[in-house]
Amino acid sequence: MTIKLICLDADDTLWHNMRHFNATENALLDMLRPFAQEDVTRERLIACETRNLPLYGYGAKGFTLSMIETAVELAGDSLPTATIRDILAAGRALLGHPVELFDGVENTLRTLADIAPLVLVTKGDLLHQESKLAASGLGDLFSGIQIVSDKNPDIFRALFARFEVAPQNAVMAGDSMRSDILPALAAGAWAAFIPQDGAWSHESANAPSDHQRFTQLAALADLPTWIKTIA
């Protein structure tokens, strides 16, 4: 079996992402401490995010709106205007955080690019994802960039068709079982799960059992070796 296309997630696969969201969430917990305990605020925020995903999609802008909504729900008319300003400032900081690559990512991508063309498949706000990719300095290593509102099997099928590659000749690697692994497998591709600490609970799902096209790796650097075992 020859791999002819390598698809890669971006956030928390190539560079750190959730650590910045988690830090912003902790800042919100501090801001709302006069109105609710931390576990209550966190639970309300998760519920609000989940409810708003169909409206706002993924990304820092939607997260900021959900933080404001959570604050209003918990504090009501007692919410100070200054707190809203602080939440907005935290959201702007989240949008502008530096792009921090995982160790060895650039070298690994160069190794992978010698095996097959690379395609970045990431979800989130278009402008923010484009900005992060530009700041990463990795853009020239990819033969294609796909920024989507969500990932599902049809997205991957369309991507494989666009590059004229059969699903069994493609592989997807990422840190999300729900968004990267399961839809790629459902589309007929191979998939490598590379979990990271502090992952968002919304992205969790049960791993497939005894699936011949699935593996879990400790790091992206292990991906080239696994692809060679497929061949």
Protein backbone atom coordinates (compact mmCIF):
# COMPACT_ATOMS: atom_id res chain seq x y z
CA MET A 1 0.00 0.00 0.00
CA THR A 2 1.49 3.33 -1.09
CA ILE A 3 0.60 6.54 0.75
CA LYS A 4 0.13 9.31 -1.82
CA LEU A 5 -1.35 12.06 0.40
CA ILE A 6 -0.62 13.06 4.00
CA CYS A 7 -3.23 15.21 5.76
CA LEU A 8 -2.33 16.99 8.98
CA ASP A 9 -4.25 18.88 11.62
CA ALA A 10 -2.82 22.21 12.78
CA ASP A 11 -3.84 23.23 16.32
CA ASP A 12 -2.19 21.03 18.95
CA THR A 13 -0.67 18.88 16.22
CA LEU A 14 1.84 21.33 14.72
CA TRP A 15 1.69 24.09 17.32
CA HIS A 16 0.37 24.69 20.83
CA ASN A 17 -3.22 25.88 21.02
CA MET A 18 -5.25 24.57 23.96
CA ARG A 19 -2.74 25.87 26.50
CA HIS A 20 -3.74 29.39 25.42
CA PHE A 21 -7.48 28.61 25.57
CA ASN A 22 -7.03 27.01 29.00
CA ALA A 23 -5.13 30.05 30.28
CA THR A 24 -7.90 32.34 29.01
CA GLU A 25 -10.53 30.13 30.64
CA ASN A 26 -8.65 30.35 33.96
CA ALA A 27 -8.61 34.13 33.64
CA LEU A 28 -12.40 34.06 33.20
CA LEU A 29 -12.76 31.92 36.33
CA ASP A 30 -10.88 34.59 38.27
CA MET A 31 -13.00 37.39 36.82
CA LEU A 32 -16.24 35.67 37.78
CA ARG A 33 -15.12 34.48 41.21
CA PRO A 34 -17.36 37.09 42.94
CA PHE A 35 -20.40 35.54 41.24
CA ALA A 36 -19.77 31.78 41.09
CA GLN A 37 -17.42 29.02 42.16
CA GLU A 38 -14.88 27.85 39.61
CA ASP A 39 -16.53 24.50 38.91
CA VAL A 40 -19.88 26.22 38.31
CA THR A 41 -18.35 28.76 35.93
CA ARG A 42 -16.44 26.07 34.04
CA GLU A 43 -19.54 23.89 33.69
CA ARG A 44 -21.63 26.84 32.48
CA LEU A 45 -18.92 27.85 29.99
CA ILE A 46 -18.70 24.34 28.51
CA ALA A 47 -22.47 24.22 28.13
CA CYS A 48 -22.49 27.64 26.51
CA GLU A 49 -19.70 26.73 24.07
CA THR A 50 -21.45 23.53 23.07
CA ARG A 51 -24.73 25.36 22.54
CA ASN A 52 -23.05 28.07 20.46
CA LEU A 53 -20.90 25.89 18.20
CA PRO A 54 -23.58 25.63 15.49
CA LEU A 55 -23.85 29.45 15.51
CA TYR A 56 -20.28 30.68 16.02
CA GLY A 57 -18.22 27.69 14.92
CA TYR A 58 -14.80 26.91 16.37
CA GLY A 59 -12.15 29.42 17.32
CA ALA A 60 -11.20 32.27 19.61
CA LYS A 61 -13.94 34.66 18.48
CA GLY A 62 -16.73 32.21 19.28
CA PHE A 63 -15.02 31.35 22.55
CA THR A 64 -14.92 35.05 23.50
CA LEU A 65 -18.64 35.43 22.80
CA SER A 66 -19.34 32.34 24.92
CA MET A 67 -17.27 33.79 27.77
CA ILE A 68 -19.32 37.00 27.69
CA GLU A 69 -22.56 35.03 27.57
CA THR A 70 -21.44 32.89 30.51
CA ALA A 71 -20.60 36.01 32.51
CA VAL A 72 -24.02 37.52 31.81
CA GLU A 73 -25.77 34.28 32.80
CA LEU A 74 -23.90 34.04 36.10
CA ALA A 75 -23.80 37.70 37.14
CA GLY A 76 -26.92 39.09 35.52
CA ASP A 77 -27.40 42.84 35.90
CA SER A 78 -24.63 42.87 38.52
CA LEU A 79 -21.95 42.23 35.91
CA PRO A 80 -19.62 45.27 35.86
CA THR A 81 -18.81 46.88 32.54
CA ALA A 82 -15.15 46.57 33.49
CA THR A 83 -15.47 42.79 33.55
CA ILE A 84 -16.86 42.77 30.02
CA ARG A 85 -13.91 44.91 28.95
CA ASP A 86 -11.54 42.44 30.63
CA ILE A 87 -13.16 39.49 28.86
CA LEU A 88 -12.84 41.23 25.52
CA ALA A 89 -9.19 42.00 26.25
CA ALA A 90 -8.60 38.33 27.12
CA GLY A 91 -10.23 37.36 23.80
CA ARG A 92 -8.00 39.75 21.85
CA ALA A 93 -4.94 38.33 23.61
CA LEU A 94 -6.08 34.83 22.65
CA LEU A 95 -6.37 35.89 19.02
CA GLY A 96 -2.89 37.37 19.11
CA HIS A 97 -0.98 34.70 20.99
CA PRO A 98 2.40 33.71 19.51
CA VAL A 99 2.58 30.55 17.44
CA GLU A 100 4.72 28.02 19.32
CA LEU A 101 5.66 24.99 17.25
CA PHE A 102 6.09 21.61 18.86
CA ASP A 103 9.71 20.50 18.99
CA GLY A 104 11.02 19.15 15.71
CA VAL A 105 7.85 19.86 13.72
CA GLU A 106 9.54 21.56 10.77
CA ASN A 107 12.06 18.74 10.30
CA THR A 108 9.29 16.15 10.58
CA LEU A 109 7.22 17.94 7.95
CA ARG A 110 10.18 18.01 5.59
CA THR A 111 10.63 14.28 6.07
CA LEU A 112 6.92 13.69 5.44
CA ALA A 113 6.98 15.90 2.33
CA ASP A 114 9.61 13.58 0.84
CA ILE A 115 7.12 10.72 1.21
CA ALA A 116 3.97 12.35 -0.20
CA PRO A 117 2.33 15.77 -0.67
CA LEU A 118 1.14 17.39 2.55
CA VAL A 119 -2.27 18.97 3.04
CA LEU A 120 -3.20 21.01 6.12
CA VAL A 121 -6.75 20.20 7.23
CA THR A 122 -7.81 22.43 10.11
CA LYS A 123 -11.01 23.93 11.42
CA GLY A 124 -11.74 27.29 12.98
CA ASP A 125 -11.95 30.95 12.06
CA LEU A 126 -10.52 31.50 8.57
CA LEU A 127 -8.61 34.72 9.33
CA HIS A 128 -7.16 33.41 12.60
CA GLN A 129 -6.05 30.09 11.09
CA GLU A 130 -4.48 31.85 8.10
CA SER A 131 -2.65 34.20 10.46
CA LYS A 132 -1.30 31.33 12.55
CA LEU A 133 -0.15 29.43 9.49
CA ALA A 134 1.65 32.53 8.18
CA ALA A 135 3.30 33.09 11.56
CA SER A 136 4.38 29.43 11.76
CA GLY A 137 6.59 29.68 8.68
CA LEU A 138 5.39 26.24 7.58
CA GLY A 139 3.07 27.24 4.75
CA ASP A 140 5.49 26.48 1.91
CA LEU A 141 5.73 22.85 3.00
CA PHE A 142 2.06 22.17 2.16
CA SER A 143 0.64 21.36 -1.26
CA GLY A 144 -2.82 22.35 -0.07
CA ILE A 145 -4.59 24.19 2.75
CA GLN A 146 -8.13 23.27 3.80
CA ILE A 147 -9.70 25.44 6.54
CA VAL A 148 -13.18 24.14 7.36
CA SER A 149 -15.97 24.87 9.81
CA ASP A 150 -15.96 21.23 10.94
CA LYS A 151 -14.46 17.91 9.89
CA ASN A 152 -16.61 15.02 8.71
CA PRO A 153 -16.22 12.07 6.31
CA ASP A 154 -17.60 14.07 3.37
CA ILE A 155 -14.93 16.75 3.87
CA PHE A 156 -12.24 14.09 3.62
CA ARG A 157 -13.86 12.34 0.64
CA ALA A 158 -14.00 15.66 -1.24
CA LEU A 159 -10.38 16.36 -0.34
CA PHE A 160 -9.19 12.98 -1.62
CA ALA A 161 -11.17 13.46 -4.83
CA ARG A 162 -9.68 16.92 -5.31
CA PHE A 163 -6.16 15.50 -5.12
CA GLU A 164 -7.17 12.45 -7.17
CA VAL A 165 -6.09 10.04 -4.45
CA ALA A 166 -7.99 6.94 -3.38
CA PRO A 167 -8.88 7.03 0.35
CA GLN A 168 -6.77 3.94 1.06
CA ASN A 169 -3.75 5.87 -0.26
CA ALA A 170 -4.23 8.76 2.18
CA VAL A 171 -3.45 9.24 5.85
CA MET A 172 -4.70 11.80 8.39
CA ALA A 173 -2.84 12.68 11.58
CA GLY A 174 -4.08 14.84 14.43
CA ASP A 175 -4.80 15.21 18.13
CA SER A 176 -8.60 14.97 17.99
CA MET A 177 -10.27 11.57 17.98
CA ARG A 178 -13.64 13.13 17.12
CA SER A 179 -12.51 15.50 14.38
CA ASP A 180 -9.34 14.02 12.90
CA ILE A 181 -9.40 10.27 13.36
CA LEU A 182 -12.97 8.96 13.19
CA PRO A 183 -14.08 10.94 10.10
CA ALA A 184 -10.88 10.08 8.20
CA LEU A 185 -11.34 6.37 8.96
CA ALA A 186 -15.00 6.59 7.94
CA ALA A 187 -13.88 8.08 4.62
CA GLY A 188 -11.61 5.08 4.05
CA ALA A 189 -8.22 6.61 4.92
CA TRP A 190 -5.55 5.67 7.42
CA ALA A 191 -5.41 7.70 10.65
CA ALA A 192 -2.80 8.39 13.33
CA PHE A 193 -3.95 9.75 16.68
CA ILE A 194 -1.38 11.95 18.44
CA PRO A 195 -2.95 12.98 21.79
CA GLN A 196 -1.84 16.10 23.66
CA ASP A 197 -2.22 17.19 27.28
CA GLY A 198 -5.07 19.55 28.10
CA ALA A 199 -7.27 18.53 25.16
CA TRP A 200 -10.76 20.02 24.90
CA SER A 201 -13.40 17.63 26.22
CA HIS A 202 -15.59 18.32 23.16
CA GLU A 203 -12.98 16.62 20.95
CA SER A 204 -12.88 13.37 22.93
CA ALA A 205 -14.38 10.13 21.62
CA ASN A 206 -13.76 6.42 22.00
CA ALA A 207 -10.87 5.09 19.96
CA PRO A 208 -11.70 2.42 17.38
CA SER A 209 -10.87 -1.09 18.56
CA ASP A 210 -8.73 -3.35 16.38
CA HIS A 211 -8.99 -1.11 13.31
CA GLN A 212 -6.27 -2.05 10.83
CA ARG A 213 -5.94 1.51 9.48
CA PHE A 214 -5.64 3.18 12.91
CA THR A 215 -2.71 3.78 15.21
CA GLN A 216 -1.81 5.96 18.18
CA LEU A 217 1.57 7.67 18.22
CA ALA A 218 3.49 9.42 20.98
CA ALA A 219 4.61 12.28 18.73
CA LEU A 220 4.33 13.60 15.18
CA ALA A 221 7.96 12.60 14.71
CA ASP A 222 6.81 8.96 14.77
CA LEU A 223 4.51 9.43 11.77
CA PRO A 224 7.07 8.90 8.96
CA THR A 225 8.09 5.52 10.38
CA TRP A 226 4.48 4.37 10.69
CA ILE A 227 3.71 5.46 7.13
CA LYS A 228 6.65 3.40 5.92
CA THR A 229 5.22 0.34 7.69
CA ILE A 230 1.98 0.85 5.75
CA ALA A 231 3.93 0.71 2.50
